[in-house]
N, C-alpha and C. Protein backbone atom coordinates (compact mmCIF):
# COMPACT_ATOMS: atom_id res chain seq x y z
N MET A 1 0.84 -1.16 0.00
CA MET A 1 0.00 0.00 0.00
C MET A 1 0.89 1.23 0.00
N LYS A 2 0.33 2.35 -0.47
CA LYS A 2 1.06 3.60 -0.47
C LYS A 2 0.08 4.76 -0.50
N LEU A 3 0.59 5.95 -0.23
CA LEU A 3 -0.26 7.13 -0.27
C LEU A 3 -0.65 7.45 -1.71
N ALA A 4 -1.87 7.90 -1.89
CA ALA A 4 -2.35 8.28 -3.21
C ALA A 4 -1.86 9.67 -3.60
N VAL A 5 -1.48 10.47 -2.61
CA VAL A 5 -0.97 11.82 -2.83
C VAL A 5 0.27 12.02 -1.98
N GLU A 6 1.17 12.86 -2.46
CA GLU A 6 2.35 13.20 -1.66
C GLU A 6 1.93 14.15 -0.55
N MET A 7 2.31 13.83 0.68
CA MET A 7 1.90 14.64 1.81
C MET A 7 3.10 15.07 2.64
N ALA A 8 2.96 16.24 3.24
CA ALA A 8 3.97 16.74 4.17
C ALA A 8 3.34 16.78 5.56
N VAL A 9 4.09 16.31 6.54
CA VAL A 9 3.64 16.33 7.93
C VAL A 9 4.31 17.51 8.61
N MET A 10 3.52 18.32 9.31
CA MET A 10 4.04 19.51 9.98
C MET A 10 3.60 19.52 11.44
N ASN A 11 4.48 20.03 12.27
CA ASN A 11 4.16 20.22 13.69
C ASN A 11 4.28 21.71 13.97
N MET A 12 3.14 22.34 14.18
CA MET A 12 3.10 23.77 14.47
C MET A 12 2.52 23.99 15.85
N ASP A 13 3.38 24.41 16.77
CA ASP A 13 2.95 24.68 18.14
C ASP A 13 2.25 23.49 18.79
N GLY A 14 2.77 22.29 18.52
CA GLY A 14 2.22 21.08 19.12
C GLY A 14 1.04 20.48 18.38
N GLU A 15 0.56 21.14 17.34
CA GLU A 15 -0.52 20.62 16.52
C GLU A 15 0.10 19.96 15.29
N ILE A 16 -0.13 18.66 15.12
CA ILE A 16 0.43 17.94 13.99
C ILE A 16 -0.63 17.83 12.90
N SER A 17 -0.21 18.14 11.68
CA SER A 17 -1.14 18.03 10.55
C SER A 17 -0.39 17.57 9.32
N ALA A 18 -1.15 17.14 8.32
CA ALA A 18 -0.59 16.73 7.04
C ALA A 18 -1.39 17.39 5.94
N VAL A 19 -0.69 17.83 4.91
CA VAL A 19 -1.33 18.44 3.75
C VAL A 19 -0.71 17.85 2.50
N ALA A 20 -1.47 17.82 1.43
CA ALA A 20 -0.94 17.39 0.14
C ALA A 20 -0.02 18.48 -0.39
N VAL A 21 1.05 18.07 -1.04
CA VAL A 21 2.02 19.03 -1.55
C VAL A 21 2.25 18.83 -3.05
N GLY A 22 2.86 19.84 -3.67
CA GLY A 22 3.16 19.77 -5.09
C GLY A 22 1.90 19.67 -5.92
N GLU A 23 2.01 18.94 -7.02
CA GLU A 23 0.87 18.77 -7.92
C GLU A 23 -0.29 18.07 -7.24
N ASP A 24 0.00 17.29 -6.21
CA ASP A 24 -1.06 16.55 -5.51
C ASP A 24 -1.95 17.45 -4.67
N SER A 25 -1.54 18.69 -4.44
CA SER A 25 -2.39 19.60 -3.68
C SER A 25 -3.68 19.91 -4.44
N ALA A 26 -3.68 19.69 -5.75
CA ALA A 26 -4.91 19.87 -6.53
C ALA A 26 -5.87 18.69 -6.34
N LYS A 27 -5.34 17.54 -5.91
CA LYS A 27 -6.17 16.35 -5.71
C LYS A 27 -6.82 16.32 -4.32
N PHE A 28 -6.10 16.85 -3.34
CA PHE A 28 -6.63 16.85 -1.96
C PHE A 28 -6.41 18.23 -1.38
N HIS A 29 -7.50 18.93 -1.13
CA HIS A 29 -7.43 20.32 -0.68
C HIS A 29 -7.46 20.46 0.84
N GLY A 30 -7.72 19.39 1.53
CA GLY A 30 -7.89 19.48 2.97
C GLY A 30 -6.60 19.36 3.75
N MET A 31 -6.78 19.34 5.05
CA MET A 31 -5.68 19.16 5.99
C MET A 31 -6.11 18.09 6.98
N LEU A 32 -5.21 17.18 7.28
CA LEU A 32 -5.50 16.15 8.27
C LEU A 32 -4.87 16.54 9.59
N ARG A 33 -5.65 16.54 10.65
CA ARG A 33 -5.11 16.74 11.99
C ARG A 33 -4.75 15.37 12.52
N LEU A 34 -3.53 15.25 13.02
CA LEU A 34 -2.99 13.95 13.38
C LEU A 34 -2.48 13.91 14.81
N ASN A 35 -2.51 12.72 15.38
CA ASN A 35 -1.75 12.50 16.61
C ASN A 35 -0.38 11.98 16.18
N GLU A 36 0.50 11.76 17.13
CA GLU A 36 1.87 11.37 16.80
C GLU A 36 1.93 10.06 16.03
N GLU A 37 1.12 9.08 16.43
CA GLU A 37 1.14 7.78 15.77
C GLU A 37 0.67 7.89 14.31
N ALA A 38 -0.40 8.65 14.08
CA ALA A 38 -0.90 8.84 12.73
C ALA A 38 0.13 9.58 11.87
N ALA A 39 0.81 10.55 12.46
CA ALA A 39 1.87 11.27 11.73
C ALA A 39 2.99 10.32 11.34
N ASP A 40 3.32 9.40 12.22
CA ASP A 40 4.36 8.41 11.90
C ASP A 40 3.92 7.50 10.75
N ILE A 41 2.65 7.13 10.74
CA ILE A 41 2.14 6.28 9.65
C ILE A 41 2.23 7.03 8.32
N ILE A 42 1.78 8.28 8.30
CA ILE A 42 1.85 9.09 7.07
C ILE A 42 3.31 9.23 6.62
N THR A 43 4.21 9.46 7.57
CA THR A 43 5.63 9.61 7.23
C THR A 43 6.20 8.34 6.62
N ILE A 44 5.93 7.20 7.25
CA ILE A 44 6.43 5.92 6.74
C ILE A 44 5.86 5.64 5.35
N LEU A 45 4.55 5.85 5.18
CA LEU A 45 3.94 5.63 3.87
C LEU A 45 4.54 6.56 2.82
N GLY A 46 4.82 7.78 3.21
CA GLY A 46 5.40 8.74 2.28
C GLY A 46 6.80 8.36 1.85
N LEU A 47 7.56 7.76 2.75
CA LEU A 47 8.92 7.34 2.43
C LEU A 47 8.95 6.08 1.57
N ALA A 48 7.90 5.29 1.65
CA ALA A 48 7.81 4.03 0.90
C ALA A 48 7.19 4.30 -0.46
N LYS A 49 7.96 4.92 -1.34
CA LYS A 49 7.44 5.34 -2.65
C LYS A 49 6.88 4.17 -3.47
N ASP A 50 7.46 2.98 -3.30
CA ASP A 50 6.98 1.81 -4.02
C ASP A 50 5.94 1.03 -3.23
N GLY A 51 5.58 1.54 -2.06
CA GLY A 51 4.59 0.88 -1.22
C GLY A 51 5.23 0.08 -0.11
N ILE A 52 4.42 -0.30 0.85
CA ILE A 52 4.87 -1.07 2.00
C ILE A 52 3.74 -2.01 2.41
N SER A 53 4.08 -3.17 2.88
CA SER A 53 3.04 -4.10 3.34
C SER A 53 2.53 -3.65 4.71
N TYR A 54 1.33 -4.08 5.02
CA TYR A 54 0.74 -3.76 6.32
C TYR A 54 1.64 -4.27 7.45
N ASP A 55 2.11 -5.50 7.32
CA ASP A 55 2.96 -6.09 8.35
C ASP A 55 4.25 -5.29 8.54
N ASN A 56 4.89 -4.88 7.45
CA ASN A 56 6.12 -4.10 7.57
C ASN A 56 5.85 -2.71 8.14
N LEU A 57 4.70 -2.14 7.85
CA LEU A 57 4.32 -0.86 8.44
C LEU A 57 4.20 -0.98 9.94
N VAL A 58 3.50 -2.01 10.40
CA VAL A 58 3.33 -2.22 11.85
C VAL A 58 4.69 -2.49 12.50
N LYS A 59 5.52 -3.29 11.85
CA LYS A 59 6.86 -3.57 12.41
C LYS A 59 7.71 -2.31 12.49
N SER A 60 7.59 -1.43 11.51
CA SER A 60 8.31 -0.16 11.56
C SER A 60 7.85 0.68 12.75
N LEU A 61 6.55 0.70 12.98
CA LEU A 61 6.02 1.45 14.13
C LEU A 61 6.45 0.84 15.45
N GLN A 62 6.59 -0.48 15.47
CA GLN A 62 7.02 -1.18 16.69
C GLN A 62 8.39 -0.73 17.15
N THR A 63 9.26 -0.33 16.23
CA THR A 63 10.60 0.09 16.63
C THR A 63 10.56 1.38 17.44
N LYS A 64 9.53 2.20 17.24
CA LYS A 64 9.40 3.45 18.00
C LYS A 64 8.52 3.27 19.24
N TYR A 65 7.45 2.54 19.10
CA TYR A 65 6.48 2.38 20.19
C TYR A 65 6.71 1.04 20.89
N THR A 66 7.83 0.94 21.56
CA THR A 66 8.26 -0.32 22.16
C THR A 66 7.41 -0.72 23.37
N ASP A 67 6.67 0.22 23.94
CA ASP A 67 5.81 -0.12 25.08
C ASP A 67 4.47 -0.71 24.65
N SER A 68 4.18 -0.68 23.35
CA SER A 68 2.93 -1.21 22.83
C SER A 68 3.17 -2.57 22.18
N THR A 69 2.16 -3.42 22.26
CA THR A 69 2.26 -4.73 21.63
C THR A 69 2.01 -4.60 20.13
N TYR A 70 2.41 -5.62 19.40
CA TYR A 70 2.15 -5.67 17.95
C TYR A 70 0.65 -5.52 17.71
N GLU A 71 -0.16 -6.19 18.50
CA GLU A 71 -1.61 -6.17 18.32
C GLU A 71 -2.18 -4.77 18.55
N GLU A 72 -1.68 -4.05 19.56
CA GLU A 72 -2.16 -2.69 19.82
C GLU A 72 -1.81 -1.76 18.66
N ILE A 73 -0.59 -1.86 18.19
CA ILE A 73 -0.16 -1.04 17.06
C ILE A 73 -0.95 -1.41 15.81
N ALA A 74 -1.15 -2.70 15.58
CA ALA A 74 -1.89 -3.16 14.41
C ALA A 74 -3.32 -2.64 14.42
N GLU A 75 -3.95 -2.64 15.58
CA GLU A 75 -5.34 -2.17 15.67
C GLU A 75 -5.44 -0.69 15.33
N PHE A 76 -4.58 0.14 15.91
CA PHE A 76 -4.61 1.56 15.61
C PHE A 76 -4.30 1.79 14.13
N THR A 77 -3.29 1.09 13.64
CA THR A 77 -2.87 1.25 12.25
C THR A 77 -4.01 0.90 11.30
N LYS A 78 -4.69 -0.21 11.57
CA LYS A 78 -5.82 -0.63 10.73
C LYS A 78 -6.91 0.44 10.72
N ASP A 79 -7.24 0.97 11.88
CA ASP A 79 -8.28 1.99 11.96
C ASP A 79 -7.89 3.26 11.20
N PHE A 80 -6.64 3.68 11.34
CA PHE A 80 -6.21 4.89 10.66
C PHE A 80 -6.11 4.68 9.15
N LEU A 81 -5.64 3.52 8.72
CA LEU A 81 -5.57 3.23 7.29
C LEU A 81 -6.96 3.22 6.66
N LYS A 82 -7.96 2.75 7.39
CA LYS A 82 -9.33 2.77 6.88
C LYS A 82 -9.78 4.21 6.64
N LYS A 83 -9.43 5.11 7.56
CA LYS A 83 -9.79 6.52 7.38
C LYS A 83 -9.10 7.09 6.15
N LEU A 84 -7.82 6.77 5.96
CA LEU A 84 -7.11 7.24 4.77
C LEU A 84 -7.76 6.69 3.50
N TRP A 85 -8.13 5.41 3.54
CA TRP A 85 -8.78 4.76 2.40
C TRP A 85 -10.10 5.44 2.08
N ASP A 86 -10.90 5.69 3.11
CA ASP A 86 -12.20 6.33 2.93
C ASP A 86 -12.08 7.72 2.32
N GLU A 87 -10.98 8.40 2.60
CA GLU A 87 -10.74 9.75 2.05
C GLU A 87 -10.08 9.70 0.67
N GLY A 88 -9.79 8.50 0.18
CA GLY A 88 -9.14 8.37 -1.12
C GLY A 88 -7.66 8.70 -1.10
N LEU A 89 -7.05 8.59 0.08
CA LEU A 89 -5.64 8.94 0.24
C LEU A 89 -4.71 7.74 0.29
N LEU A 90 -5.26 6.55 0.13
CA LEU A 90 -4.46 5.33 0.23
C LEU A 90 -4.73 4.44 -0.99
N ILE A 91 -3.65 3.88 -1.53
CA ILE A 91 -3.74 2.94 -2.64
C ILE A 91 -3.32 1.57 -2.12
N ALA A 92 -4.13 0.56 -2.38
CA ALA A 92 -3.81 -0.77 -1.89
C ALA A 92 -2.65 -1.39 -2.64
């Protein structure tokens, strides 16, 4: 899976958000308000230009969130990916 649009993640005064950048800003005009975990997912997906598997995405998150189990990370990741999919921001 990969992002359908190129996005930049920004942290302004503790508020994390993501916006489409470059030519993709014409495809998605909104802004996503994110928590830290969601920002990490967007960042990882953005770096994986050729895509990344769900399992590898969760494993990447596990390296940062060592206090959480694989299952906890997987559940949050699945929920957030569904939101991205529903917004047309994710390609399977």
